[in-house]
Amino acid sequence: MILNEEQKALQEAARQFSRKRLLPDYILREKKATLDRDLLQEMGQLGLLGMDLPEQVGGMGLDGVTAGLLFEEVAYGDFNIGATMLLTSLNGDILLRNARPSIVQEWLPRMTSGQAIVAICLTEPRGGSDASNLQVRARFDATDGRYVIRGEKTSISFADRADGYIVFARTGAPDSGAKGVSAFFVPSGTPGIATTCFDDVGGLATGRGSVFFDDVRVPPENMLGELDKGFVIGMQGFDYSRALIGLQCCGAAQASLDEAWVYAKEREAFGRPIAQFQGVTFPLAEGESMIAAVRQLGYHALALRDAGERHTAEAAMCKWMGPRHAFDVIHQCLLTFGHYGWSKDSPHQQRMRDVMGLEIGDGMAAVMKLVIARERIGRAAVQY
């Protein structure tokens, strides 16, 4: 992929921030298990949050390919900070396209400046991969003209640290499937909201948990899009976010590869650098090849998006291949370090655990493969 001068300059700026500001404290931020708000605001000042959103709401109006370059660079330094970028772009676009102007004008500048995080509440305890099987309900109360949301959302990124939520709830009949779902924007301070935080294997800096809605009253102005047509609002952005997730994983894997190559040149065994042993270098060469392939697929998917072409299958490929192969590559890098790698002071174990979370979150590999199959042969791919 040939970059223009503007893309090179933006990439280099993100690279310097990632290497100098993020990478040194990647493990420390995870151990603290808190979201660094000051760091987010610093990123906002650099234009690294919502860079693909319009300038009038604080973004830079970048195309998808250029945004992908910045995503990958930031994830190189801190995989979890990359997740804040993803959430800002995905949810910022949902609000921009579907929210009332008053919500857009208040919240998008806060999101792009790093002053606010908005989480997306889709998954439920009974749902998981069956995303349209929603039990959380929003009923209309004619006494005050508001919608009343009740139920639990789970496995929500930033559940206990978000400032607002995009909530998908059933407004149609119980058996109406995706056609009876509406979306709402709900500030976190709204009465009736409670949250938990899970003790996860990785991703502790971003957090994951449940959000409980106990008769949360939301004005009709906070509905996103039309009544009973909210499910598609969430689905529309996933082709973009899935491609970015693939690049996010490439960034983390590339960081481990770069570190493993340096170590292989410096570490000696049997009187010579271990880089002279094919058993050390060939697995790393295979890792470089695989990550390069996933990377090119990611930018291809984004280029299709920028051209207005369909890219659902390509994005789904990025989503399952990125986390899967990045995990394997980082694992091999950890093994390259031998007993030094078997320590929580090693960034490889942290990257490996963080990347593994995206083998589950945002759609598992089997679901992505079903999406690809449907794109190729239609509904005949559905298995009952």
Protein backbone atom coordinates (compact mmCIF):
# COMPACT_ATOMS: atom_id res chain seq x y z
CA MET A 1 0.00 0.00 0.00
CA ILE A 2 1.43 3.34 -1.08
CA LEU A 3 0.85 6.19 1.37
CA ASN A 4 0.61 9.86 0.47
CA GLU A 5 2.54 12.52 2.35
CA GLU A 6 -0.37 13.42 4.66
CA GLN A 7 -0.89 9.78 5.60
CA LYS A 8 2.83 9.36 6.30
CA ALA A 9 2.87 12.43 8.54
CA LEU A 10 -0.20 11.33 10.51
CA GLN A 11 1.14 7.79 10.84
CA GLU A 12 4.49 9.05 12.10
CA ALA A 13 2.84 11.32 14.68
CA ALA A 14 0.74 8.41 15.97
CA ARG A 15 3.83 6.18 15.97
CA GLN A 16 5.84 8.57 18.09
CA PHE A 17 2.99 8.96 20.59
CA SER A 18 2.50 5.20 20.73
CA ARG A 19 6.18 4.33 21.23
CA LYS A 20 7.06 7.11 23.65
CA ARG A 21 3.85 7.70 25.59
CA LEU A 22 1.92 4.42 25.52
CA LEU A 23 4.33 1.51 25.23
CA PRO A 24 6.43 2.14 28.38
CA ASP A 25 3.42 1.97 30.74
CA TYR A 26 1.27 -0.57 28.91
CA ILE A 27 1.60 -3.22 31.61
CA LEU A 28 1.32 -0.67 34.45
CA ARG A 29 -2.01 0.66 33.16
CA GLU A 30 -3.35 -2.88 33.03
CA LYS A 31 -2.22 -3.60 36.59
CA LYS A 32 -3.99 -0.46 37.81
CA ALA A 33 -7.16 -1.67 36.04
CA THR A 34 -8.45 1.87 35.59
CA LEU A 35 -9.18 4.05 32.59
CA ASP A 36 -6.62 6.86 32.37
CA ARG A 37 -8.84 9.87 31.69
CA ASP A 38 -5.91 12.27 31.44
CA LEU A 39 -4.39 10.09 28.75
CA LEU A 40 -7.67 10.07 26.83
CA GLN A 41 -7.81 13.86 26.87
CA GLU A 42 -4.22 13.96 25.67
CA MET A 43 -5.23 11.72 22.77
CA GLY A 44 -8.18 13.99 22.08
CA GLN A 45 -5.88 16.98 21.82
CA LEU A 46 -3.76 15.06 19.30
CA GLY A 47 -6.82 14.19 17.21
CA LEU A 48 -6.57 10.45 17.91
CA LEU A 49 -10.19 10.02 19.03
CA GLY A 50 -12.90 10.05 16.39
CA MET A 51 -10.42 11.08 13.72
CA ASP A 52 -12.83 9.71 11.11
CA LEU A 53 -15.72 11.91 12.34
CA PRO A 54 -16.43 15.35 10.83
CA GLU A 55 -14.41 18.36 11.90
CA GLN A 56 -17.48 20.18 13.21
CA VAL A 57 -17.80 17.62 16.02
CA GLY A 58 -14.08 17.50 16.82
CA GLY A 59 -12.88 14.89 14.34
CA MET A 60 -10.53 15.22 11.39
CA GLY A 61 -12.80 13.81 8.69
CA LEU A 62 -10.27 11.14 7.75
CA ASP A 63 -11.05 8.26 5.39
CA GLY A 64 -11.12 4.71 6.69
CA VAL A 65 -7.69 3.70 5.41
CA THR A 66 -5.98 6.66 7.06
CA ALA A 67 -7.87 6.08 10.30
CA GLY A 68 -6.76 2.44 10.17
CA LEU A 69 -3.12 3.53 10.04
CA LEU A 70 -3.58 5.44 13.29
CA PHE A 71 -5.50 2.60 14.94
CA GLU A 72 -2.72 0.14 14.20
CA GLU A 73 0.00 2.47 15.47
CA VAL A 74 -1.78 3.18 18.76
CA ALA A 75 -2.51 -0.52 19.36
CA TYR A 76 1.22 -1.20 18.91
CA GLY A 77 1.82 0.76 22.11
CA ASP A 78 -1.30 -0.22 24.05
CA PHE A 79 -3.92 -2.62 22.75
CA ASN A 80 -6.51 -1.46 25.28
CA ILE A 81 -6.10 2.23 24.47
CA GLY A 82 -6.82 1.20 20.89
CA ALA A 83 -10.20 -0.01 22.15
CA THR A 84 -11.09 3.53 23.27
CA MET A 85 -10.41 4.74 19.73
CA LEU A 86 -12.61 2.02 18.30
CA LEU A 87 -15.50 2.81 20.62
CA THR A 88 -15.30 6.53 19.90
CA SER A 89 -15.41 5.99 16.15
CA LEU A 90 -18.15 3.33 16.20
CA ASN A 91 -20.48 5.00 18.68
CA GLY A 92 -19.69 8.51 17.49
CA ASP A 93 -20.85 7.52 14.00
CA ILE A 94 -24.02 5.91 15.37
CA LEU A 95 -24.92 9.09 17.23
CA LEU A 96 -23.98 11.33 14.31
CA ARG A 97 -26.27 9.46 11.92
CA ASN A 98 -29.19 8.78 14.24
CA ALA A 99 -29.31 11.05 17.30
CA ARG A 100 -31.12 14.37 17.66
CA PRO A 101 -28.94 17.43 16.94
CA SER A 102 -28.94 18.39 20.63
CA ILE A 103 -27.36 15.05 21.59
CA VAL A 104 -24.83 15.24 18.76
CA GLN A 105 -23.80 18.78 19.65
CA GLU A 106 -23.38 17.96 23.33
CA TRP A 107 -21.79 14.53 23.24
CA LEU A 108 -19.64 14.16 20.14
CA PRO A 109 -17.26 17.01 21.03
CA ARG A 110 -16.90 15.48 24.49
CA MET A 111 -16.12 12.08 22.97
CA THR A 112 -13.57 13.32 20.44
CA SER A 113 -11.83 15.43 23.09
CA GLY A 114 -11.50 12.45 25.43
CA GLN A 115 -13.83 13.90 28.05
CA ALA A 116 -16.50 11.22 27.65
CA ILE A 117 -16.73 7.52 26.80
CA VAL A 118 -19.94 6.05 25.38
CA ALA A 119 -20.49 2.28 25.57
CA ILE A 120 -22.69 0.17 23.32
CA CYS A 121 -25.18 -2.08 25.14
CA LEU A 122 -26.30 -4.90 22.86
CA THR A 123 -25.28 -8.25 24.39
CA GLU A 124 -27.53 -9.89 27.01
CA PRO A 125 -27.11 -12.95 29.26
CA ARG A 126 -29.33 -15.08 27.00
CA GLY A 127 -28.12 -13.57 23.74
CA GLY A 128 -24.41 -13.63 23.01
CA SER A 129 -23.99 -14.49 19.34
CA ASP A 130 -27.78 -14.44 18.93
CA ALA A 131 -27.65 -10.65 19.09
CA SER A 132 -31.26 -9.97 18.10
CA ASN A 133 -32.67 -12.21 20.85
CA LEU A 134 -33.19 -9.27 23.21
CA GLN A 135 -35.04 -9.54 26.51
CA VAL A 136 -34.35 -6.00 27.75
CA ARG A 137 -37.56 -4.13 27.10
CA ALA A 138 -38.44 -0.48 26.63
CA ARG A 139 -42.14 0.18 27.18
CA PHE A 140 -43.81 3.47 26.47
CA ASP A 141 -45.44 5.09 29.50
CA ALA A 142 -48.21 7.44 28.37
CA THR A 143 -48.40 9.10 31.81
CA ASP A 144 -45.23 11.12 31.18
CA GLY A 145 -44.48 10.28 27.56
CA ARG A 146 -41.23 8.44 28.32
CA TYR A 147 -39.82 5.02 27.58
CA VAL A 148 -39.08 2.80 30.57
CA ILE A 149 -36.12 0.45 30.10
CA ARG A 150 -35.78 -2.65 32.24
CA GLY A 151 -33.33 -5.57 32.12
CA GLU A 152 -29.65 -6.48 32.02
CA LYS A 153 -26.96 -6.00 29.41
CA THR A 154 -23.80 -8.01 29.91
CA SER A 155 -20.27 -8.36 28.55
CA ILE A 156 -20.30 -4.60 27.95
CA SER A 157 -16.93 -2.94 27.38
CA PHE A 158 -16.44 0.09 29.66
CA ALA A 159 -19.61 -0.92 31.55
CA ASP A 160 -18.69 0.70 34.85
CA ARG A 161 -16.72 3.64 33.45
CA ALA A 162 -18.82 4.89 30.54
CA ASP A 163 -20.44 8.32 30.62
CA GLY A 164 -23.29 7.28 28.37
CA TYR A 165 -24.79 4.18 26.76
CA ILE A 166 -26.29 3.32 23.40
CA VAL A 167 -28.91 0.81 24.49
CA PHE A 168 -30.77 -1.62 22.26
CA ALA A 169 -34.11 -2.72 23.73
CA ARG A 170 -37.20 -4.52 22.54
CA THR A 171 -40.13 -2.25 21.79
CA GLY A 172 -42.04 -4.66 19.56
CA ALA A 173 -43.62 -8.03 20.24
CA PRO A 174 -41.52 -10.60 22.16
CA ASP A 175 -41.15 -12.74 19.03
CA SER A 176 -40.51 -9.87 16.62
CA GLY A 177 -36.78 -10.54 16.41
CA ALA A 178 -34.56 -7.82 14.98
CA LYS A 179 -37.57 -5.97 13.58
CA GLY A 180 -38.94 -5.05 17.02
CA VAL A 181 -35.78 -3.46 18.46
CA SER A 182 -35.22 0.24 19.13
CA ALA A 183 -32.06 2.08 20.15
CA PHE A 184 -31.75 4.77 22.81
CA PHE A 185 -29.05 7.06 24.10
CA VAL A 186 -28.93 6.99 27.91
CA PRO A 187 -26.50 9.10 30.01
CA SER A 188 -24.88 7.05 32.76
CA GLY A 189 -26.21 9.34 35.49
CA THR A 190 -29.82 8.53 34.67
CA PRO A 191 -31.63 7.15 37.78
CA GLY A 192 -32.04 3.37 37.82
CA ILE A 193 -28.69 2.38 36.26
CA ALA A 194 -26.29 0.08 38.11
CA THR A 195 -23.09 -1.54 36.87
CA THR A 196 -20.62 -4.30 37.69
CA CYS A 197 -17.07 -5.00 36.53
CA PHE A 198 -15.87 -8.53 35.77
CA ASP A 199 -12.53 -9.95 36.90
CA ASP A 200 -11.36 -10.79 33.40
CA VAL A 201 -8.27 -12.49 31.99
CA GLY A 202 -7.26 -9.32 30.13
CA GLY A 203 -8.52 -5.91 29.12
CA LEU A 204 -8.67 -4.70 32.71
CA ALA A 205 -7.81 -1.11 31.79
CA THR A 206 -10.97 -0.84 29.72
CA GLY A 207 -13.16 -3.04 31.89
CA ARG A 208 -16.09 -5.30 31.01
CA GLY A 209 -19.22 -5.93 33.00
CA SER A 210 -22.99 -5.79 33.24
CA VAL A 211 -25.27 -2.77 33.08
CA PHE A 212 -28.61 -3.06 34.87
CA PHE A 213 -31.59 -0.91 33.92
CA ASP A 214 -34.18 -0.76 36.71
CA ASP A 215 -37.12 1.11 35.15
CA VAL A 216 -34.82 3.72 33.62
CA ARG A 217 -36.95 6.50 32.16
CA VAL A 218 -35.77 7.93 28.84
CA PRO A 219 -37.43 10.77 26.88
CA PRO A 220 -38.55 9.92 23.33
CA GLU A 221 -36.03 12.48 22.04
CA ASN A 222 -33.30 10.05 23.06
CA MET A 223 -34.46 7.37 20.65
CA LEU A 224 -31.91 6.79 17.90
CA GLY A 225 -33.52 6.42 14.51
CA GLU A 226 -37.05 5.08 14.16
CA LEU A 227 -39.22 2.98 16.46
CA ASP A 228 -38.66 -0.78 16.06
CA LYS A 229 -35.87 -0.17 13.52
CA GLY A 230 -32.94 0.24 15.85
CA PHE A 231 -31.18 -3.08 15.34
CA VAL A 232 -29.84 -2.12 11.94
CA ILE A 233 -28.28 1.00 13.51
CA GLY A 234 -25.78 -1.16 15.35
CA MET A 235 -25.19 -3.56 12.46
CA GLN A 236 -24.35 -0.76 10.01
CA GLY A 237 -21.16 0.18 11.81
CA PHE A 238 -19.81 -3.32 12.40
CA ASP A 239 -18.27 -3.77 8.96
CA TYR A 240 -16.05 -0.79 9.73
CA SER A 241 -15.22 -1.76 13.31
CA ARG A 242 -14.41 -5.36 12.34
CA ALA A 243 -11.79 -4.22 9.87
CA LEU A 244 -10.31 -1.91 12.48
CA ILE A 245 -10.23 -4.73 15.04
CA GLY A 246 -8.10 -6.77 12.63
CA LEU A 247 -5.62 -3.89 12.39
CA GLN A 248 -5.72 -3.36 16.15
CA CYS A 249 -4.59 -6.97 16.59
CA CYS A 250 -1.90 -6.53 13.92
CA GLY A 251 -0.48 -3.61 15.89
CA ALA A 252 -0.12 -5.69 19.05
CA ALA A 253 1.37 -8.65 17.20
CA GLN A 254 3.86 -6.43 15.36
CA ALA A 255 5.07 -4.99 18.65
CA SER A 256 5.86 -8.48 19.94
CA LEU A 257 7.53 -9.46 16.66
CA ASP A 258 9.77 -6.40 16.70
CA GLU A 259 10.80 -7.13 20.29
CA ALA A 260 11.43 -10.80 19.52
CA TRP A 261 13.70 -9.99 16.56
CA VAL A 262 15.81 -7.66 18.70
CA TYR A 263 16.08 -10.30 21.43
CA ALA A 264 17.05 -13.00 18.91
CA LYS A 265 20.01 -10.88 17.77
CA GLU A 266 21.17 -10.13 21.32
CA ARG A 267 20.59 -13.44 23.11
CA GLU A 268 23.38 -16.00 22.76
CA ALA A 269 23.26 -19.76 23.13
CA PHE A 270 25.90 -22.35 22.23
CA GLY A 271 28.32 -19.52 21.59
CA ARG A 272 26.34 -17.55 19.03
CA PRO A 273 23.19 -15.38 18.73
CA ILE A 274 20.03 -17.45 18.67
CA ALA A 275 19.06 -15.55 15.50
CA GLN A 276 21.40 -17.96 13.68
CA PHE A 277 19.10 -20.86 14.49
CA GLN A 278 16.30 -21.51 12.02
CA GLY A 279 14.18 -22.94 14.81
CA VAL A 280 14.10 -19.41 16.23
CA THR A 281 13.87 -17.28 13.10
CA PHE A 282 11.54 -19.35 10.93
CA PRO A 283 8.56 -19.15 13.33
CA LEU A 284 9.07 -15.39 13.54
CA ALA A 285 9.27 -15.17 9.75
CA GLU A 286 5.99 -17.08 9.52
CA GLY A 287 4.49 -14.65 12.01
CA GLU A 288 5.63 -11.66 9.98
CA SER A 289 4.06 -13.21 6.89
CA MET A 290 0.74 -13.92 8.55
CA ILE A 291 0.42 -10.47 10.14
CA ALA A 292 1.35 -8.81 6.85
CA ALA A 293 -1.43 -10.77 5.14
CA VAL A 294 -4.05 -9.84 7.74
CA ARG A 295 -2.88 -6.22 7.62
CA GLN A 296 -3.29 -6.02 3.85
CA LEU A 297 -6.75 -7.57 4.12
CA GLY A 298 -7.69 -4.94 6.69
CA TYR A 299 -6.64 -2.05 4.50
CA HIS A 300 -8.33 -3.67 1.51
CA ALA A 301 -11.61 -3.82 3.46
CA LEU A 302 -11.23 -0.16 4.46
CA ALA A 303 -10.41 0.85 0.89
CA LEU A 304 -13.60 -0.87 -0.28
CA ARG A 305 -15.52 1.06 2.38
CA ASP A 306 -13.97 4.35 1.32
CA ALA A 307 -14.96 3.62 -2.29
CA GLY A 308 -18.54 2.91 -1.26
CA GLU A 309 -18.23 -0.78 -2.13
CA ARG A 310 -19.63 -3.69 -0.15
CA HIS A 311 -17.07 -5.07 2.29
CA THR A 312 -19.05 -7.20 4.74
CA ALA A 313 -17.21 -10.45 3.95
CA GLU A 314 -13.78 -8.84 4.01
CA ALA A 315 -14.51 -7.17 7.36
CA ALA A 316 -15.68 -10.49 8.84
CA MET A 317 -12.45 -12.10 7.61
CA CYS A 318 -10.46 -9.42 9.43
CA LYS A 319 -12.46 -9.97 12.60
CA TRP A 320 -11.82 -13.70 12.92
CA MET A 321 -8.33 -13.82 11.41
CA GLY A 322 -6.91 -10.82 13.28
CA PRO A 323 -7.36 -12.03 16.88
CA ARG A 324 -6.72 -15.68 16.02
CA HIS A 325 -3.43 -15.19 14.22
CA ALA A 326 -2.23 -12.33 16.41
CA PHE A 327 -2.65 -14.59 19.46
CA ASP A 328 -0.61 -17.36 17.81
CA VAL A 329 2.13 -14.95 16.72
CA ILE A 330 2.41 -13.27 20.13
CA HIS A 331 2.50 -16.71 21.76
CA GLN A 332 5.46 -17.65 19.58
CA CYS A 333 7.21 -14.41 20.46
CA LEU A 334 6.74 -15.18 24.14
CA LEU A 335 8.32 -18.60 23.60
CA THR A 336 11.25 -16.98 21.80
CA PHE A 337 12.16 -15.26 25.08
CA GLY A 338 12.25 -18.60 26.86
CA HIS A 339 11.98 -18.38 30.65
CA TYR A 340 12.12 -14.58 30.43
CA GLY A 341 8.82 -14.65 28.59
CA TRP A 342 7.13 -16.59 31.39
CA SER A 343 6.72 -13.51 33.57
CA LYS A 344 4.02 -10.94 34.10
CA ASP A 345 6.68 -8.32 33.50
CA SER A 346 6.69 -9.49 29.89
CA PRO A 347 4.44 -7.49 27.53
CA HIS A 348 3.83 -10.59 25.43
CA GLN A 349 1.66 -12.33 28.01
CA GLN A 350 -0.35 -9.13 28.37
CA ARG A 351 -0.84 -8.72 24.62
CA MET A 352 -1.74 -12.38 24.29
CA ARG A 353 -4.48 -12.11 26.93
CA ASP A 354 -5.78 -8.82 25.57
CA VAL A 355 -5.95 -10.08 21.99
CA MET A 356 -7.67 -13.29 23.09
CA GLY A 357 -10.61 -11.24 24.35
CA LEU A 358 -11.45 -10.26 20.78
CA GLU A 359 -11.71 -13.91 19.79
CA ILE A 360 -14.95 -13.65 21.78
CA GLY A 361 -16.00 -10.00 21.88
CA ASP A 362 -17.66 -8.33 18.88
CA GLY A 363 -18.49 -11.68 17.28
CA MET A 364 -16.82 -15.07 17.56
CA ALA A 365 -15.01 -16.73 14.66
CA ALA A 366 -17.92 -19.07 13.89
CA VAL A 367 -20.28 -16.11 13.52
CA MET A 368 -17.82 -14.31 11.25
CA LYS A 369 -17.49 -17.39 9.05
CA LEU A 370 -21.28 -17.58 8.81
CA VAL A 371 -21.33 -13.94 7.71
CA ILE A 372 -18.77 -14.75 5.02
CA ALA A 373 -20.72 -17.78 3.86
CA ARG A 374 -23.94 -15.76 3.63
CA GLU A 375 -22.15 -13.14 1.54
CA ARG A 376 -21.10 -15.85 -0.88
CA ILE A 377 -24.18 -18.10 -1.12
CA GLY A 378 -26.95 -16.20 0.68
CA ARG A 379 -29.38 -17.71 3.17
CA ALA A 380 -28.50 -21.19 2.01
CA ALA A 381 -25.55 -20.91 4.38
CA VAL A 382 -27.80 -20.82 7.45
CA GLN A 383 -27.69 -24.05 9.45
CA TYR A 384 -30.70 -25.10 11.53
